[in-house]
N, C-alpha and C. Protein backbone atom coordinates (compact mmCIF):
# COMPACT_ATOMS: atom_id res chain seq x y z
N UNK A 1 0.85 -1.17 0.00
CA UNK A 1 0.00 0.00 0.00
C UNK A 1 0.89 1.23 0.00
N UNK A 2 0.52 2.19 -0.78
CA UNK A 2 1.27 3.44 -0.84
C UNK A 2 0.37 4.55 -0.34
N UNK A 3 0.93 5.38 0.53
CA UNK A 3 0.18 6.50 1.11
C UNK A 3 0.94 7.78 0.83
N UNK A 4 0.23 8.81 0.40
CA UNK A 4 0.84 10.12 0.17
C UNK A 4 0.39 11.04 1.28
N UNK A 5 1.35 11.71 1.90
CA UNK A 5 1.05 12.63 3.00
C UNK A 5 1.58 14.00 2.60
N UNK A 6 0.71 14.99 2.63
CA UNK A 6 1.13 16.37 2.38
C UNK A 6 1.55 16.99 3.71
N UNK A 7 2.81 17.35 3.80
CA UNK A 7 3.37 17.87 5.04
C UNK A 7 3.72 19.34 4.87
N UNK A 8 3.27 20.18 5.79
CA UNK A 8 3.65 21.60 5.72
C UNK A 8 5.17 21.77 5.83
N UNK A 9 5.71 22.73 5.12
CA UNK A 9 7.16 22.96 5.11
C UNK A 9 7.71 23.31 6.49
N UNK A 10 6.90 23.93 7.33
CA UNK A 10 7.40 24.37 8.63
C UNK A 10 7.22 23.33 9.74
N UNK A 11 6.76 22.15 9.40
CA UNK A 11 6.57 21.10 10.41
C UNK A 11 7.92 20.45 10.72
N UNK A 12 8.31 20.41 12.00
CA UNK A 12 9.60 19.82 12.36
C UNK A 12 9.66 18.33 11.96
N UNK A 13 10.84 17.88 11.57
CA UNK A 13 11.02 16.50 11.12
C UNK A 13 10.60 15.50 12.19
N UNK A 14 10.85 15.83 13.45
CA UNK A 14 10.46 14.93 14.54
C UNK A 14 8.94 14.71 14.55
N UNK A 15 8.20 15.77 14.30
CA UNK A 15 6.74 15.67 14.26
C UNK A 15 6.27 14.87 13.05
N UNK A 16 6.95 15.05 11.92
CA UNK A 16 6.63 14.29 10.71
C UNK A 16 6.81 12.80 10.98
N UNK A 17 7.91 12.45 11.64
CA UNK A 17 8.16 11.05 11.97
C UNK A 17 7.10 10.50 12.92
N UNK A 18 6.64 11.31 13.86
CA UNK A 18 5.59 10.88 14.78
C UNK A 18 4.29 10.61 14.03
N UNK A 19 3.96 11.47 13.08
CA UNK A 19 2.73 11.30 12.29
C UNK A 19 2.83 10.03 11.45
N UNK A 20 3.97 9.83 10.81
CA UNK A 20 4.17 8.63 9.99
C UNK A 20 4.05 7.38 10.85
N UNK A 21 4.66 7.40 12.01
CA UNK A 21 4.58 6.26 12.93
C UNK A 21 3.13 5.99 13.33
N UNK A 22 2.37 7.03 13.65
CA UNK A 22 0.98 6.87 14.04
C UNK A 22 0.15 6.26 12.91
N UNK A 23 0.42 6.70 11.69
CA UNK A 23 -0.31 6.15 10.53
C UNK A 23 0.05 4.68 10.34
N UNK A 24 1.33 4.35 10.46
CA UNK A 24 1.75 2.95 10.33
C UNK A 24 1.09 2.07 11.38
N UNK A 25 1.04 2.55 12.61
CA UNK A 25 0.42 1.78 13.69
C UNK A 25 -1.08 1.57 13.41
N UNK A 26 -1.74 2.59 12.89
CA UNK A 26 -3.17 2.48 12.58
C UNK A 26 -3.39 1.45 11.46
N UNK A 27 -2.54 1.47 10.45
CA UNK A 27 -2.66 0.51 9.36
C UNK A 27 -2.43 -0.92 9.85
N UNK A 28 -1.46 -1.09 10.71
CA UNK A 28 -1.19 -2.41 11.28
C UNK A 28 -2.38 -2.88 12.12
N UNK A 29 -2.93 -1.98 12.91
CA UNK A 29 -4.08 -2.30 13.76
C UNK A 29 -5.28 -2.72 12.90
N UNK A 30 -5.56 -1.97 11.84
CA UNK A 30 -6.68 -2.30 10.96
C UNK A 30 -6.45 -3.63 10.26
N UNK A 31 -5.21 -3.88 9.86
CA UNK A 31 -4.88 -5.14 9.20
C UNK A 31 -5.08 -6.31 10.16
N UNK A 32 -4.66 -6.14 11.41
CA UNK A 32 -4.81 -7.20 12.41
C UNK A 32 -6.29 -7.48 12.67
N UNK A 33 -7.12 -6.46 12.67
CA UNK A 33 -8.55 -6.67 12.90
C UNK A 33 -9.16 -7.50 11.77
N UNK A 34 -8.72 -7.27 10.55
CA UNK A 34 -9.22 -8.03 9.41
C UNK A 34 -8.83 -9.50 9.54
N UNK A 35 -7.62 -9.74 10.01
CA UNK A 35 -7.12 -11.11 10.16
C UNK A 35 -7.91 -11.85 11.24
N UNK A 36 -8.28 -11.16 12.30
CA UNK A 36 -8.95 -11.80 13.43
C UNK A 36 -10.36 -12.28 13.08
N UNK A 37 -10.98 -11.68 12.07
CA UNK A 37 -12.32 -12.09 11.69
C UNK A 37 -12.24 -13.45 11.01
N UNK A 38 -12.71 -14.47 11.69
CA UNK A 38 -12.65 -15.81 11.13
C UNK A 38 -13.93 -16.13 10.37
N UNK A 39 -13.76 -16.88 9.32
CA UNK A 39 -14.92 -17.31 8.55
C UNK A 39 -15.63 -18.42 9.30
N UNK A 40 -16.93 -18.45 9.21
CA UNK A 40 -17.67 -19.52 9.88
C UNK A 40 -17.32 -20.89 9.29
N UNK A 41 -17.31 -21.89 10.13
CA UNK A 41 -17.03 -23.26 9.69
C UNK A 41 -18.21 -23.76 8.87
N UNK A 42 -17.91 -24.42 7.77
CA UNK A 42 -18.97 -25.04 6.97
C UNK A 42 -19.52 -24.18 5.86
N UNK A 43 -18.85 -23.11 5.49
CA UNK A 43 -19.36 -22.26 4.41
C UNK A 43 -19.50 -23.00 3.08
N UNK A 44 -18.61 -23.95 2.83
CA UNK A 44 -18.64 -24.68 1.55
C UNK A 44 -19.30 -26.04 1.69
N UNK A 45 -20.01 -26.27 2.77
CA UNK A 45 -20.64 -27.57 2.99
C UNK A 45 -21.61 -27.86 1.85
N UNK A 46 -21.45 -29.03 1.25
CA UNK A 46 -22.29 -29.42 0.14
C UNK A 46 -21.82 -28.89 -1.20
N UNK A 47 -20.89 -27.94 -1.20
CA UNK A 47 -20.38 -27.36 -2.44
C UNK A 47 -19.04 -27.99 -2.79
N UNK A 48 -18.23 -28.21 -1.77
CA UNK A 48 -16.88 -28.71 -1.96
C UNK A 48 -16.73 -30.05 -1.25
N UNK A 49 -16.14 -31.00 -1.95
CA UNK A 49 -15.85 -32.28 -1.31
C UNK A 49 -14.36 -32.55 -1.46
N UNK A 50 -13.77 -33.08 -0.42
CA UNK A 50 -12.35 -33.40 -0.42
C UNK A 50 -12.23 -34.90 -0.70
N UNK A 51 -11.58 -35.27 -1.79
CA UNK A 51 -11.45 -36.70 -2.10
C UNK A 51 -10.51 -37.39 -1.12
N UNK A 52 -10.70 -38.69 -0.95
CA UNK A 52 -9.85 -39.45 -0.04
C UNK A 52 -8.38 -39.38 -0.45
N UNK A 53 -8.11 -39.24 -1.74
CA UNK A 53 -6.73 -39.19 -2.22
C UNK A 53 -5.98 -37.96 -1.69
N UNK A 54 -6.72 -36.95 -1.23
CA UNK A 54 -6.10 -35.75 -0.66
C UNK A 54 -5.21 -36.11 0.52
N UNK A 55 -5.59 -37.13 1.27
CA UNK A 55 -4.88 -37.50 2.49
C UNK A 55 -3.76 -38.52 2.25
N UNK A 56 -3.61 -38.96 1.01
CA UNK A 56 -2.54 -39.90 0.70
C UNK A 56 -1.21 -39.15 0.61
N UNK A 57 -0.10 -39.85 0.88
CA UNK A 57 1.22 -39.19 0.78
C UNK A 57 1.47 -38.68 -0.63
N UNK A 58 2.25 -37.61 -0.73
CA UNK A 58 2.61 -37.07 -2.03
C UNK A 58 3.59 -38.00 -2.73
N UNK A 59 3.54 -38.04 -4.05
CA UNK A 59 4.55 -38.82 -4.78
C UNK A 59 5.95 -38.27 -4.48
N UNK A 60 6.94 -39.14 -4.53
CA UNK A 60 8.31 -38.74 -4.17
C UNK A 60 8.83 -37.58 -5.00
N UNK A 61 8.56 -37.57 -6.31
CA UNK A 61 9.08 -36.49 -7.15
C UNK A 61 8.49 -35.13 -6.75
N UNK A 62 7.22 -35.11 -6.39
CA UNK A 62 6.60 -33.85 -5.97
C UNK A 62 7.10 -33.43 -4.59
N UNK A 63 7.23 -34.38 -3.70
CA UNK A 63 7.75 -34.09 -2.36
C UNK A 63 9.18 -33.56 -2.45
N UNK A 64 10.00 -34.17 -3.30
CA UNK A 64 11.38 -33.71 -3.49
C UNK A 64 11.43 -32.30 -4.05
N UNK A 65 10.50 -31.98 -4.95
CA UNK A 65 10.45 -30.63 -5.51
C UNK A 65 10.19 -29.60 -4.42
N UNK A 66 9.27 -29.90 -3.52
CA UNK A 66 8.99 -28.98 -2.41
C UNK A 66 10.20 -28.84 -1.50
N UNK A 67 10.87 -29.96 -1.22
CA UNK A 67 12.03 -29.91 -0.33
C UNK A 67 13.18 -29.12 -0.96
N UNK A 68 13.39 -29.25 -2.25
CA UNK A 68 14.45 -28.47 -2.92
C UNK A 68 14.11 -26.99 -2.88
N UNK A 69 12.85 -26.66 -3.10
CA UNK A 69 12.43 -25.26 -3.05
C UNK A 69 12.69 -24.71 -1.65
N UNK A 70 12.34 -25.46 -0.62
CA UNK A 70 12.53 -25.02 0.76
C UNK A 70 14.01 -24.82 1.06
N UNK A 71 14.86 -25.71 0.58
CA UNK A 71 16.31 -25.57 0.80
C UNK A 71 16.84 -24.31 0.14
N UNK A 72 16.35 -23.99 -1.05
CA UNK A 72 16.78 -22.77 -1.74
C UNK A 72 16.36 -21.54 -0.98
N UNK A 73 15.17 -21.55 -0.41
CA UNK A 73 14.68 -20.41 0.36
C UNK A 73 15.53 -20.21 1.63
N UNK A 74 15.92 -21.30 2.25
CA UNK A 74 16.71 -21.21 3.48
C UNK A 74 18.09 -20.63 3.19
N UNK A 75 18.68 -20.97 2.03
CA UNK A 75 20.02 -20.49 1.67
C UNK A 75 20.05 -19.00 1.38
N UNK A 76 18.91 -18.40 1.05
CA UNK A 76 18.88 -16.97 0.71
C UNK A 76 19.18 -16.09 1.89
């Protein structure tokens, strides 16, 4: 998200930083409130079915691909 703030020329830099900090805290607070709202259980009941194969182990080649990706991320 990008925010543009018009700051008066005579406003001390310390005050500008305080305003920016307050805005950042407000955005974080609003974001956290959105995360806390949980969806009710069962919204897709009757619409979505999970096949039994979903719970079977992944094939070795696919599992290895995930593990290689994870190793690359750790090395960064």
